């Protein structure tokens, strides 16, 4: 979860400082992630990895997340962006779990409702939490993409291999956006560095680990666990990026943490 929160901060730090454009950030992030993952895969297999057929729902979900995430962070704070993202992820993953026949216990529904109420608080327009409709829409699209990607990850048997090829096949899709919506910002060394760290470290390794633990968590527990990311990103955004801390944001973070605690509490024997 720290890796996921770090992605929000790295993306926002690069874009808010005009160190790089959103399209360039997304491309370098995916490219560096693919390089790191394929290198690790080669080391594990002691040879060049054999290509595998793309799993297009996962590739498309990852591409949608990467692109919409970057373009949304042009005009949204790191903490608020993470709140919108992972609330949307929770809804997507709960919906997917229900469609596949999971039966979440009552406390998990209560935890979801409590956590989502934190997002509702942020819809009240104030100077510290206002967000443009375009940025909000893009972050919701990123949430749906990541939710789909996470749902697919529950059935992965080789997390490192799956993540490596997902990143590689995602790369051309991210590259196609460049001529359609070209960046206006000059790509600086700082921007390239932040994007490479986000791709090669917090994304590549974080996502491979996420795919490794998802089969044990399941869809609804995985969705709830990810809601700790907004609270982490809010705190780190204030400490490291100097973003404003408002009482609605504090209350929202508290509701999210409380919702996670309620939803994941080991009460009785349940399924889902």
Protein backbone atom coordinates (compact mmCIF):
# COMPACT_ATOMS: atom_id res chain seq x y z
CA UNK A 1 0.00 0.00 0.00
CA UNK A 2 2.96 2.32 0.60
CA UNK A 3 4.07 1.69 -2.99
CA UNK A 4 0.62 2.63 -4.29
CA UNK A 5 0.59 5.82 -2.21
CA UNK A 6 4.10 6.68 -3.42
CA UNK A 7 2.87 6.52 -7.03
CA UNK A 8 0.35 9.27 -6.28
CA UNK A 9 3.04 11.46 -4.75
CA UNK A 10 5.60 10.85 -7.49
CA UNK A 11 3.08 11.56 -10.22
CA UNK A 12 1.73 14.68 -8.57
CA UNK A 13 5.23 15.98 -7.72
CA UNK A 14 6.35 15.65 -11.34
CA UNK A 15 3.24 17.16 -12.92
CA UNK A 16 2.58 19.98 -10.46
CA UNK A 17 6.13 21.21 -10.96
CA UNK A 18 5.91 21.03 -14.78
CA UNK A 19 8.89 18.67 -14.75
CA UNK A 20 7.20 16.44 -17.33
CA UNK A 21 3.87 16.08 -19.11
CA UNK A 22 1.26 13.45 -18.20
CA UNK A 23 1.73 11.46 -21.42
CA UNK A 24 5.50 11.40 -21.02
CA UNK A 25 5.23 10.41 -17.38
CA UNK A 26 2.91 7.51 -18.21
CA UNK A 27 5.17 6.28 -21.02
CA UNK A 28 8.38 6.36 -18.97
CA UNK A 29 6.58 4.80 -16.02
CA UNK A 30 5.37 1.85 -18.08
CA UNK A 31 8.64 1.48 -20.02
CA UNK A 32 10.83 1.47 -16.92
CA UNK A 33 8.46 -0.94 -15.20
CA UNK A 34 8.60 -3.32 -18.17
CA UNK A 35 12.40 -3.21 -18.24
CA UNK A 36 12.73 -3.97 -14.52
CA UNK A 37 10.18 -6.78 -14.58
CA UNK A 38 11.59 -8.45 -17.71
CA UNK A 39 15.11 -8.21 -16.25
CA UNK A 40 13.91 -9.92 -13.05
CA UNK A 41 12.11 -12.55 -15.10
CA UNK A 42 15.27 -13.20 -17.13
CA UNK A 43 17.34 -13.56 -13.97
CA UNK A 44 14.83 -16.00 -12.50
CA UNK A 45 14.68 -18.15 -15.62
CA UNK A 46 18.39 -17.67 -16.46
CA UNK A 47 17.45 -17.00 -20.07
CA UNK A 48 15.43 -14.60 -22.16
CA UNK A 49 11.77 -14.99 -21.13
CA UNK A 50 9.48 -16.65 -23.65
CA UNK A 51 6.74 -14.34 -24.93
CA UNK A 52 3.25 -15.13 -23.72
CA UNK A 53 -0.03 -14.20 -25.36
CA UNK A 54 -1.44 -10.92 -24.07
CA UNK A 55 -4.35 -11.07 -21.68
CA UNK A 56 -6.15 -8.12 -23.22
CA UNK A 57 -8.58 -7.27 -20.39
CA UNK A 58 -5.61 -6.92 -18.02
CA UNK A 59 -3.55 -4.97 -20.57
CA UNK A 60 -6.41 -2.60 -21.36
CA UNK A 61 -7.20 -2.13 -17.68
CA UNK A 62 -3.57 -1.32 -16.91
CA UNK A 63 -3.32 1.11 -19.85
CA UNK A 64 -6.53 2.90 -18.83
CA UNK A 65 -5.25 3.21 -15.27
CA UNK A 66 -1.78 4.46 -16.26
CA UNK A 67 -3.02 7.10 -18.71
CA UNK A 68 -6.05 8.41 -16.82
CA UNK A 69 -4.07 8.44 -13.57
CA UNK A 70 -1.35 10.66 -15.07
CA UNK A 71 -3.68 13.06 -16.87
CA UNK A 72 -5.91 13.42 -13.79
CA UNK A 73 -2.99 14.43 -11.60
CA UNK A 74 -2.39 17.55 -13.68
CA UNK A 75 -5.08 19.25 -11.60
CA UNK A 76 -5.80 17.20 -8.49
CA UNK A 77 -3.90 16.85 -5.21
CA UNK A 78 -2.15 13.57 -4.41
CA UNK A 79 -4.30 12.77 -1.37
CA UNK A 80 -7.64 13.66 -2.95
CA UNK A 81 -6.69 11.82 -6.14
CA UNK A 82 -5.95 8.68 -4.16
CA UNK A 83 -9.28 8.99 -2.33
CA UNK A 84 -11.25 9.16 -5.58
CA UNK A 85 -9.15 6.41 -7.18
CA UNK A 86 -9.45 3.80 -4.48
CA UNK A 87 -13.08 4.51 -3.68
CA UNK A 88 -13.78 3.80 -7.34
CA UNK A 89 -11.58 0.70 -7.19
CA UNK A 90 -13.57 -0.57 -4.23
CA UNK A 91 -16.89 -0.18 -6.07
CA UNK A 92 -15.49 -1.87 -9.19
CA UNK A 93 -14.05 -4.82 -7.27
CA UNK A 94 -17.16 -5.32 -5.11
CA UNK A 95 -19.27 -5.28 -8.28
CA UNK A 96 -16.98 -7.83 -9.93
CA UNK A 97 -17.05 -10.05 -6.86
CA UNK A 98 -20.85 -10.03 -6.76
CA UNK A 99 -21.05 -10.81 -10.48
CA UNK A 100 -18.85 -13.86 -9.90
CA UNK A 101 -20.95 -15.15 -7.02
CA UNK A 102 -18.99 -13.97 -3.95
CA UNK A 103 -21.08 -13.34 -0.85
CA UNK A 104 -19.35 -10.67 1.29
CA UNK A 105 -20.34 -10.72 4.97
CA UNK A 106 -22.40 -7.90 6.44
CA UNK A 107 -19.44 -6.31 8.20
CA UNK A 108 -17.63 -5.95 4.85
CA UNK A 109 -20.61 -4.12 3.40
CA UNK A 110 -20.64 -1.90 6.49
CA UNK A 111 -16.93 -1.23 6.09
CA UNK A 112 -17.43 -0.32 2.46
CA UNK A 113 -20.27 2.08 3.28
CA UNK A 114 -18.27 3.72 6.05
CA UNK A 115 -15.21 4.16 3.84
CA UNK A 116 -17.22 5.52 0.92
CA UNK A 117 -18.81 8.09 3.23
CA UNK A 118 -15.34 9.58 3.51
CA UNK A 119 -15.37 10.28 -0.21
CA UNK A 120 -18.83 11.83 0.06
CA UNK A 121 -17.49 14.38 2.54
CA UNK A 122 -14.98 15.52 -0.05
CA UNK A 123 -17.77 16.32 -2.52
CA UNK A 124 -18.66 19.38 -0.41
CA UNK A 125 -16.94 22.27 -2.29
CA UNK A 126 -14.29 24.00 -0.19
CA UNK A 127 -11.10 25.76 -1.16
CA UNK A 128 -8.86 22.91 -0.09
CA UNK A 129 -10.63 20.02 -1.79
CA UNK A 130 -12.23 21.44 -4.95
CA UNK A 131 -11.52 19.39 -8.07
CA UNK A 132 -12.32 19.93 -11.75
CA UNK A 133 -14.94 17.65 -13.33
CA UNK A 134 -12.43 16.51 -15.98
CA UNK A 135 -9.87 15.44 -13.37
CA UNK A 136 -12.58 13.67 -11.38
CA UNK A 137 -13.82 11.83 -14.49
CA UNK A 138 -10.29 10.75 -15.45
CA UNK A 139 -9.59 9.45 -11.96
CA UNK A 140 -12.84 7.46 -11.98
CA UNK A 141 -11.78 5.92 -15.31
CA UNK A 142 -8.40 5.10 -13.76
CA UNK A 143 -10.23 3.44 -10.85
CA UNK A 144 -12.28 1.24 -13.17
CA UNK A 145 -9.13 0.24 -15.06
CA UNK A 146 -7.25 -0.66 -11.90
CA UNK A 147 -10.26 -2.46 -10.45
CA UNK A 148 -10.48 -4.67 -13.55
CA UNK A 149 -6.73 -5.27 -13.45
CA UNK A 150 -6.97 -6.31 -9.80
CA UNK A 151 -9.94 -8.62 -10.36
CA UNK A 152 -7.99 -10.45 -13.08
CA UNK A 153 -5.00 -10.74 -10.74
CA UNK A 154 -6.87 -13.07 -8.39
CA UNK A 155 -6.45 -15.92 -10.89
CA UNK A 156 -2.79 -15.34 -11.77
CA UNK A 157 -0.45 -18.24 -10.96
CA UNK A 158 2.85 -16.50 -11.80
CA UNK A 159 2.65 -12.88 -10.58
CA UNK A 160 6.08 -11.78 -11.84
CA UNK A 161 5.56 -13.17 -15.33
CA UNK A 162 2.01 -11.85 -15.63
CA UNK A 163 2.98 -8.36 -14.47
CA UNK A 164 6.01 -8.21 -16.78
CA UNK A 165 4.06 -9.06 -19.92
CA UNK A 166 1.14 -6.84 -18.93
CA UNK A 167 3.54 -3.90 -18.71
CA UNK A 168 5.22 -4.72 -22.02
CA UNK A 169 1.96 -5.10 -23.95
CA UNK A 170 0.62 -1.94 -22.31
CA UNK A 171 3.54 0.12 -23.65
CA UNK A 172 2.32 0.56 -27.27
CA UNK A 173 -1.11 1.68 -26.04
CA UNK A 174 0.43 4.35 -23.84
CA UNK A 175 2.71 5.45 -26.68
CA UNK A 176 -0.27 5.92 -29.04
CA UNK A 177 -1.60 8.71 -26.83
CA UNK A 178 1.43 10.93 -27.44
CA UNK A 179 0.47 12.17 -30.94
CA UNK A 180 -3.20 12.48 -29.98
CA UNK A 181 -2.67 14.54 -26.82
CA UNK A 182 0.93 15.80 -26.97
CA UNK A 183 2.52 17.17 -23.83
CA UNK A 184 3.13 20.90 -23.69
CA UNK A 185 5.70 20.64 -20.91
CA UNK A 186 9.40 20.17 -21.58
CA UNK A 187 10.65 16.82 -20.30
CA UNK A 188 13.23 17.54 -17.59
CA UNK A 189 15.72 15.23 -15.90
CA UNK A 190 13.76 15.51 -12.67
CA UNK A 191 10.54 14.47 -14.40
CA UNK A 192 12.21 11.50 -16.09
CA UNK A 193 13.73 10.43 -12.76
CA UNK A 194 10.40 10.62 -10.91
CA UNK A 195 8.63 8.68 -13.66
CA UNK A 196 11.37 6.02 -13.74
CA UNK A 197 11.21 5.56 -9.97
CA UNK A 198 7.42 5.29 -10.13
CA UNK A 199 7.63 2.73 -12.93
CA UNK A 200 10.64 0.63 -12.02
CA UNK A 201 10.20 0.58 -8.24
CA UNK A 202 6.81 1.46 -6.82
CA UNK A 203 4.82 0.21 -9.83
CA UNK A 204 6.73 -2.79 -11.18
CA UNK A 205 7.64 -4.36 -7.86
CA UNK A 206 4.52 -3.15 -6.07
CA UNK A 207 2.19 -4.57 -8.70
CA UNK A 208 3.99 -7.92 -8.89
CA UNK A 209 3.64 -8.20 -5.10
CA UNK A 210 -0.01 -7.18 -5.34
CA UNK A 211 -0.71 -9.95 -7.85
CA UNK A 212 1.06 -12.36 -5.48
CA UNK A 213 -1.19 -11.59 -2.49
CA UNK A 214 -4.50 -11.09 -4.32
CA UNK A 215 -5.41 -14.80 -4.61
CA UNK A 216 -5.32 -15.09 -0.82
CA UNK A 217 -7.19 -11.83 -0.20
CA UNK A 218 -10.04 -12.18 -2.66
CA UNK A 219 -11.87 -9.33 -4.37
CA UNK A 220 -13.69 -7.65 -1.50
CA UNK A 221 -10.87 -7.91 1.05
CA UNK A 222 -8.42 -6.70 -1.58
CA UNK A 223 -10.66 -3.73 -2.36
CA UNK A 224 -10.93 -2.77 1.30
CA UNK A 225 -7.20 -3.17 1.93
CA UNK A 226 -6.42 -0.72 -0.87
CA UNK A 227 -8.46 1.97 0.82
CA UNK A 228 -5.59 2.53 3.25
CA UNK A 229 -3.73 4.15 0.33
CA UNK A 230 -5.68 7.45 0.32
CA UNK A 231 -5.00 8.03 4.01
CA UNK A 232 -1.29 7.31 3.48
CA UNK A 233 -1.20 9.57 0.41
CA UNK A 234 -2.98 12.38 2.26
CA UNK A 235 -0.44 12.27 5.07
CA UNK A 236 2.57 12.02 2.76
CA UNK A 237 1.21 14.76 0.48
CA UNK A 238 1.05 17.14 3.43
CA UNK A 239 4.48 16.14 4.77
CA UNK A 240 6.42 15.93 1.50
CA UNK A 241 4.58 18.08 -1.05
CA UNK A 242 3.25 20.81 1.23
CA UNK A 243 -0.37 20.15 0.27
CA UNK A 244 -3.07 21.66 2.46
CA UNK A 245 -4.61 19.61 5.26
CA UNK A 246 -8.31 20.34 5.81
CA UNK A 247 -10.74 19.06 8.39
CA UNK A 248 -12.91 17.39 5.72
CA UNK A 249 -9.83 15.51 4.48
CA UNK A 250 -8.93 14.43 8.02
CA UNK A 251 -12.48 13.25 8.67
CA UNK A 252 -12.57 11.44 5.32
CA UNK A 253 -9.31 9.64 6.09
CA UNK A 254 -10.63 8.66 9.53
CA UNK A 255 -13.81 7.20 8.03
CA UNK A 256 -11.79 5.24 5.49
CA UNK A 257 -9.48 3.74 8.11
CA UNK A 258 -12.51 2.93 10.28
CA UNK A 259 -14.25 1.30 7.34
CA UNK A 260 -11.22 -0.89 6.67
CA UNK A 261 -11.06 -1.94 10.31
CA UNK A 262 -14.76 -2.85 10.33
CA UNK A 263 -14.65 -4.66 7.00
CA UNK A 264 -11.57 -6.74 7.72
CA UNK A 265 -12.25 -7.53 11.37
CA UNK A 266 -11.98 -11.35 11.89
CA UNK A 267 -15.42 -11.82 13.45
CA UNK A 268 -16.80 -15.33 13.11
CA UNK A 269 -16.35 -17.61 10.09
CA UNK A 270 -17.50 -16.13 6.80
CA UNK A 271 -16.77 -16.46 3.12
CA UNK A 272 -15.89 -13.88 0.49
